[in-house]
N, C-alpha and C. Protein backbone atom coordinates (compact mmCIF):
# COMPACT_ATOMS: atom_id res chain seq x y z
N UNK A 1 12.30 -9.31 -37.93
CA UNK A 1 11.48 -8.78 -38.80
C UNK A 1 10.86 -9.90 -39.41
N UNK A 2 11.49 -11.18 -39.82
CA UNK A 2 11.07 -12.49 -40.40
C UNK A 2 9.79 -12.90 -39.55
N UNK A 3 10.15 -12.82 -38.20
CA UNK A 3 9.23 -13.41 -37.31
C UNK A 3 7.87 -12.75 -37.32
N UNK A 4 7.79 -11.60 -37.45
CA UNK A 4 6.82 -10.84 -37.38
C UNK A 4 5.81 -11.10 -38.88
N UNK A 5 6.70 -10.95 -39.93
CA UNK A 5 6.02 -11.15 -41.33
C UNK A 5 5.58 -12.48 -41.37
N UNK A 6 6.05 -13.58 -40.62
CA UNK A 6 5.69 -14.74 -40.80
C UNK A 6 4.31 -15.07 -40.05
N UNK A 7 3.92 -14.10 -39.23
CA UNK A 7 2.85 -14.23 -38.52
C UNK A 7 1.50 -13.52 -39.15
N UNK A 8 1.75 -12.78 -40.20
CA UNK A 8 0.66 -12.28 -40.88
C UNK A 8 0.70 -12.61 -42.48
N UNK A 9 1.01 -13.96 -42.71
CA UNK A 9 0.94 -14.30 -44.17
C UNK A 9 -0.13 -13.91 -45.04
N UNK A 10 -1.34 -13.74 -44.59
CA UNK A 10 -2.35 -13.28 -45.62
C UNK A 10 -2.77 -11.70 -45.37
N UNK A 11 -1.85 -10.81 -44.65
CA UNK A 11 -2.07 -9.51 -44.73
C UNK A 11 -1.67 -8.88 -46.05
N UNK A 12 -2.52 -8.02 -46.34
CA UNK A 12 -2.05 -7.07 -47.65
C UNK A 12 -0.67 -6.43 -47.76
N UNK A 13 -0.34 -6.02 -46.44
CA UNK A 13 0.65 -5.10 -46.30
C UNK A 13 1.31 -5.20 -44.99
N UNK A 14 2.43 -4.60 -44.69
CA UNK A 14 3.02 -4.55 -43.26
C UNK A 14 3.84 -3.14 -43.02
N UNK A 15 3.68 -2.57 -42.05
CA UNK A 15 4.24 -1.35 -41.76
C UNK A 15 5.43 -1.89 -40.82
N UNK A 16 6.75 -1.59 -41.08
CA UNK A 16 7.91 -1.83 -40.31
C UNK A 16 8.39 -0.56 -39.73
N UNK A 17 8.28 -0.49 -38.55
CA UNK A 17 8.99 0.70 -37.63
C UNK A 17 9.78 0.25 -36.68
N UNK A 18 10.67 1.01 -36.08
CA UNK A 18 11.57 0.41 -35.10
C UNK A 18 11.09 1.25 -33.77
N UNK A 19 11.20 0.31 -32.55
CA UNK A 19 10.74 0.98 -31.37
C UNK A 19 11.88 1.70 -30.73
N UNK A 20 13.13 1.81 -31.43
CA UNK A 20 14.21 2.44 -30.78
C UNK A 20 14.25 3.87 -31.44
N UNK A 21 13.29 4.38 -32.42
CA UNK A 21 13.19 5.69 -33.10
C UNK A 21 11.95 6.26 -32.55
N UNK A 22 11.98 6.79 -31.18
CA UNK A 22 10.76 7.16 -30.74
C UNK A 22 10.32 8.75 -31.07
N UNK A 23 11.07 9.37 -31.71
CA UNK A 23 10.55 10.64 -32.37
C UNK A 23 10.00 10.82 -33.76
N UNK A 24 9.75 9.63 -34.33
CA UNK A 24 8.96 9.64 -35.57
C UNK A 24 7.71 10.10 -35.25
N UNK A 25 7.14 11.18 -35.84
CA UNK A 25 5.61 11.56 -35.51
C UNK A 25 4.59 10.65 -36.17
N UNK A 26 3.34 10.51 -35.38
CA UNK A 26 2.26 10.04 -35.73
C UNK A 26 2.18 10.66 -37.38
N UNK A 27 2.13 11.77 -37.57
CA UNK A 27 1.83 12.43 -38.72
C UNK A 27 2.59 11.80 -39.90
N UNK A 28 3.83 11.48 -39.70
CA UNK A 28 4.82 10.84 -40.49
C UNK A 28 4.09 9.42 -41.10
N UNK A 29 3.79 8.80 -40.06
CA UNK A 29 3.12 7.42 -40.32
C UNK A 29 1.92 7.48 -41.02
N UNK A 30 1.10 8.42 -40.75
CA UNK A 30 -0.06 8.79 -41.36
C UNK A 30 0.14 9.18 -42.96
N UNK A 31 1.09 10.02 -43.11
CA UNK A 31 1.50 10.19 -44.61
C UNK A 31 2.14 9.11 -45.33
N UNK A 32 2.69 8.10 -44.63
CA UNK A 32 3.18 6.84 -45.33
C UNK A 32 2.12 6.06 -45.70
N UNK A 33 0.92 5.74 -44.92
CA UNK A 33 -0.26 5.10 -45.23
C UNK A 33 -0.91 5.77 -46.13
N UNK A 34 -1.27 7.03 -46.29
CA UNK A 34 -1.95 7.82 -47.19
C UNK A 34 -1.01 7.65 -48.64
N UNK A 35 0.12 7.60 -48.73
CA UNK A 35 0.86 7.55 -49.73
C UNK A 35 1.11 6.05 -50.37
N UNK A 36 0.87 5.20 -49.53
CA UNK A 36 1.21 3.61 -50.05
C UNK A 36 0.26 3.44 -51.16
N UNK A 37 0.83 2.74 -52.32
CA UNK A 37 0.10 2.25 -53.36
C UNK A 37 -0.02 0.60 -53.50
N UNK A 38 0.22 0.02 -52.36
CA UNK A 38 0.16 -1.43 -52.57
C UNK A 38 1.41 -2.07 -52.81
N UNK A 39 2.54 -1.44 -53.23
CA UNK A 39 3.91 -1.93 -53.41
C UNK A 39 4.63 -1.66 -52.34
N UNK A 40 5.38 -0.66 -52.00
CA UNK A 40 6.26 -0.26 -50.87
C UNK A 40 6.33 1.29 -50.90
N UNK A 41 6.57 1.78 -49.83
CA UNK A 41 6.97 3.15 -49.66
C UNK A 41 8.10 3.25 -48.24
N UNK A 42 8.83 4.17 -48.42
CA UNK A 42 9.92 4.22 -47.42
C UNK A 42 9.94 5.73 -46.78
N UNK A 43 10.52 5.76 -45.75
CA UNK A 43 11.08 7.19 -45.29
C UNK A 43 12.36 7.57 -45.81
N UNK A 44 12.47 8.71 -46.05
CA UNK A 44 13.80 9.42 -46.61
C UNK A 44 14.45 10.28 -45.53
N UNK A 45 15.47 9.93 -45.20
CA UNK A 45 16.25 10.72 -44.21
C UNK A 45 17.75 11.02 -45.06
N UNK A 46 18.15 12.26 -45.28
CA UNK A 46 19.42 12.69 -45.98
C UNK A 46 19.54 11.71 -47.15
N UNK A 47 18.53 11.71 -47.87
CA UNK A 47 18.60 10.91 -49.22
C UNK A 47 18.84 9.36 -49.13
N UNK A 48 18.37 8.93 -47.94
CA UNK A 48 18.56 7.39 -47.59
C UNK A 48 17.37 6.98 -47.35
N UNK A 49 16.86 6.04 -48.01
CA UNK A 49 15.47 5.07 -47.78
C UNK A 49 15.77 4.27 -46.92
N UNK A 50 14.74 4.32 -45.86
CA UNK A 50 14.70 3.58 -44.46
C UNK A 50 13.40 3.33 -43.95
N UNK A 51 13.32 2.66 -42.94
CA UNK A 51 12.19 2.56 -42.12
C UNK A 51 11.81 3.74 -41.20
N UNK A 52 10.62 4.09 -40.87
CA UNK A 52 9.44 3.29 -41.06
C UNK A 52 9.04 3.41 -42.66
N UNK A 53 8.75 2.07 -43.00
CA UNK A 53 8.17 1.75 -44.28
C UNK A 53 7.05 0.78 -44.48
N UNK A 54 6.52 0.82 -45.60
CA UNK A 54 5.30 -0.03 -45.57
C UNK A 54 5.69 -1.06 -46.88
N UNK A 55 5.44 -2.23 -46.74
CA UNK A 55 5.81 -3.33 -47.89
C UNK A 55 4.42 -3.95 -48.02
N UNK A 56 4.06 -4.02 -49.46
CA UNK A 56 2.99 -4.70 -49.76
C UNK A 56 3.39 -6.56 -49.68
N UNK A 57 2.42 -7.15 -49.71
CA UNK A 57 2.62 -8.68 -49.57
C UNK A 57 3.52 -9.25 -50.49
N UNK A 58 3.52 -8.58 -51.76
CA UNK A 58 4.45 -9.13 -52.68
C UNK A 58 5.81 -9.31 -52.29
N UNK A 59 6.24 -8.39 -51.28
CA UNK A 59 7.60 -8.29 -50.84
C UNK A 59 7.82 -9.26 -49.43
N UNK A 60 6.71 -10.04 -49.03
CA UNK A 60 6.72 -10.61 -47.91
C UNK A 60 8.07 -11.97 -48.06
N UNK A 61 7.90 -12.45 -49.21
CA UNK A 61 9.04 -13.37 -49.41
C UNK A 61 10.57 -13.09 -48.92
N UNK A 62 10.69 -12.01 -49.53
CA UNK A 62 12.10 -11.17 -49.46
C UNK A 62 12.34 -10.95 -48.03
N UNK A 63 11.20 -10.28 -47.29
CA UNK A 63 11.35 -9.92 -45.98
C UNK A 63 11.69 -11.33 -45.06
N UNK A 64 10.91 -12.22 -45.37
CA UNK A 64 11.01 -13.59 -44.74
C UNK A 64 12.40 -13.96 -44.87
N UNK A 65 13.11 -13.87 -45.85
CA UNK A 65 14.41 -14.24 -46.32
C UNK A 65 15.46 -13.53 -45.40
N UNK A 66 15.12 -12.41 -44.80
CA UNK A 66 16.26 -11.80 -44.16
C UNK A 66 16.69 -12.66 -42.75
N UNK A 67 17.94 -12.21 -42.72
CA UNK A 67 18.47 -13.10 -41.56
C UNK A 67 19.31 -12.26 -40.59
N UNK A 68 19.46 -12.31 -39.25
CA UNK A 68 20.05 -11.53 -38.11
C UNK A 68 19.58 -10.29 -37.96
N UNK A 69 20.38 -9.22 -38.01
CA UNK A 69 19.75 -7.87 -37.67
C UNK A 69 19.93 -7.19 -39.04
N UNK A 70 20.06 -7.77 -40.09
CA UNK A 70 19.97 -7.18 -41.48
C UNK A 70 18.83 -6.48 -41.88
N UNK A 71 18.79 -5.18 -42.11
CA UNK A 71 17.51 -4.80 -42.28
C UNK A 71 17.05 -4.89 -43.83
N UNK A 72 15.93 -4.04 -43.81
CA UNK A 72 15.33 -4.19 -45.27
C UNK A 72 15.55 -2.97 -46.29
N UNK A 73 16.63 -2.34 -45.90
CA UNK A 73 17.16 -1.36 -46.70
C UNK A 73 17.26 -1.52 -48.18
N UNK A 74 17.74 -2.67 -48.62
CA UNK A 74 17.87 -3.01 -49.77
C UNK A 74 16.69 -3.35 -50.54
N UNK A 75 15.69 -3.55 -49.99
CA UNK A 75 14.46 -3.78 -50.65
C UNK A 75 13.70 -2.41 -50.74
N UNK A 76 14.40 -1.28 -50.23
CA UNK A 76 13.64 0.05 -50.29
C UNK A 76 14.28 0.97 -51.42
N UNK A 77 15.30 0.23 -52.10
CA UNK A 77 15.94 0.91 -53.36
C UNK A 77 15.10 1.14 -54.22
N UNK A 78 15.10 2.69 -54.68
CA UNK A 78 14.07 3.03 -55.71
C UNK A 78 12.60 3.11 -55.31
N UNK A 79 12.31 2.78 -54.01
CA UNK A 79 10.89 3.00 -53.65
C UNK A 79 10.57 4.53 -53.65
N UNK A 80 9.29 4.78 -53.71
CA UNK A 80 8.95 6.13 -53.26
C UNK A 80 9.11 6.37 -51.93
N UNK A 81 9.46 7.55 -51.38
CA UNK A 81 9.72 7.85 -50.10
C UNK A 81 9.36 9.17 -49.83
N UNK A 82 8.93 9.39 -48.37
CA UNK A 82 8.27 10.42 -47.73
C UNK A 82 9.58 11.05 -46.75
N UNK A 83 9.98 12.31 -47.19
CA UNK A 83 10.89 12.73 -46.24
C UNK A 83 10.56 12.86 -44.67
N UNK A 84 11.80 12.92 -43.93
CA UNK A 84 11.53 13.13 -42.29
C UNK A 84 12.79 13.82 -42.03
N UNK A 85 12.59 14.64 -41.04
CA UNK A 85 13.83 15.45 -40.70
C UNK A 85 14.88 14.46 -39.97
N UNK A 86 16.07 14.82 -40.20
CA UNK A 86 16.99 13.99 -39.66
C UNK A 86 16.89 13.90 -38.07
N UNK A 87 16.89 14.78 -37.52
CA UNK A 87 16.56 14.67 -35.96
C UNK A 87 15.48 13.75 -35.44
N UNK A 88 14.40 13.71 -36.18
CA UNK A 88 13.14 12.80 -35.84
C UNK A 88 13.56 11.49 -36.15
N UNK A 89 14.51 11.10 -36.92
CA UNK A 89 15.05 9.64 -37.35
C UNK A 89 16.14 9.15 -36.09
N UNK A 90 16.06 10.06 -34.99
CA UNK A 90 17.21 9.65 -34.21
C UNK A 90 16.98 8.31 -33.62
N UNK A 91 18.04 7.34 -33.62
CA UNK A 91 18.03 5.91 -33.04
C UNK A 91 18.50 5.98 -31.73
N UNK A 92 17.76 5.70 -30.84
CA UNK A 92 17.98 5.70 -29.44
C UNK A 92 18.50 4.19 -28.87
N UNK A 93 20.01 4.19 -28.87
CA UNK A 93 20.60 2.96 -28.48
C UNK A 93 21.46 3.27 -26.96
N UNK A 94 21.75 4.35 -26.72
CA UNK A 94 22.70 4.77 -25.53
C UNK A 94 21.97 5.52 -24.69
N UNK A 95 22.75 5.73 -23.46
CA UNK A 95 21.95 7.02 -22.58
C UNK A 95 22.21 8.24 -23.29
N UNK A 96 23.29 8.35 -24.08
CA UNK A 96 23.50 9.75 -24.62
C UNK A 96 22.42 9.59 -25.74
N UNK A 97 22.09 8.79 -26.56
CA UNK A 97 21.00 9.09 -27.48
C UNK A 97 19.66 9.41 -26.77
N UNK A 98 19.66 8.86 -25.44
CA UNK A 98 18.27 9.11 -24.88
C UNK A 98 18.16 10.61 -24.31
N UNK A 99 19.60 10.93 -23.89
CA UNK A 99 19.55 12.70 -23.43
C UNK A 99 19.30 13.40 -24.62
N UNK A 100 19.81 12.87 -25.81
CA UNK A 100 19.62 13.85 -27.05
C UNK A 100 18.12 13.83 -27.36
N UNK A 101 17.58 12.69 -27.51
CA UNK A 101 15.96 12.58 -27.62
C UNK A 101 15.12 13.48 -26.79
N UNK A 102 15.60 13.48 -25.38
CA UNK A 102 14.75 14.23 -24.38
C UNK A 102 14.96 15.51 -24.71
N UNK A 103 16.16 16.11 -25.06
CA UNK A 103 16.67 17.49 -25.41
C UNK A 103 15.84 18.07 -26.49
N UNK A 104 15.57 17.08 -27.66
CA UNK A 104 14.71 17.51 -28.89
C UNK A 104 13.32 17.55 -28.37
N UNK A 105 12.94 16.70 -27.63
CA UNK A 105 11.43 16.95 -27.12
C UNK A 105 11.28 18.12 -26.22
N UNK A 106 12.02 18.46 -25.51
CA UNK A 106 12.03 19.58 -24.71
C UNK A 106 12.16 20.87 -25.52
N UNK A 107 12.64 20.84 -26.80
CA UNK A 107 12.84 21.97 -27.65
C UNK A 107 14.42 22.72 -27.17
N UNK A 108 15.19 22.08 -26.71
CA UNK A 108 16.45 22.69 -26.31
C UNK A 108 17.47 22.50 -27.61
């Protein structure tokens, strides 16, 4: 994440989304963008703030300081959030997760 933020130092904001969450609908991203007030906005799944999220440039120094695979969840505490169904926040890391994603897509 820090590498990406480092490449856009003059941007007004950054949308952080994970490639291994393929079920997040475009409409959810659009809702985040519409609700973004310049500070930050998160996704809320089961009362937990998480990405996809948008961070205003005020938060870039904190994002740049993150190391390893430590996420930005701590920076989202208290942020406004848009709810997302838990199944759509599926993190696909294993073949079993992929099969579950495929089943959700196919409506099984």
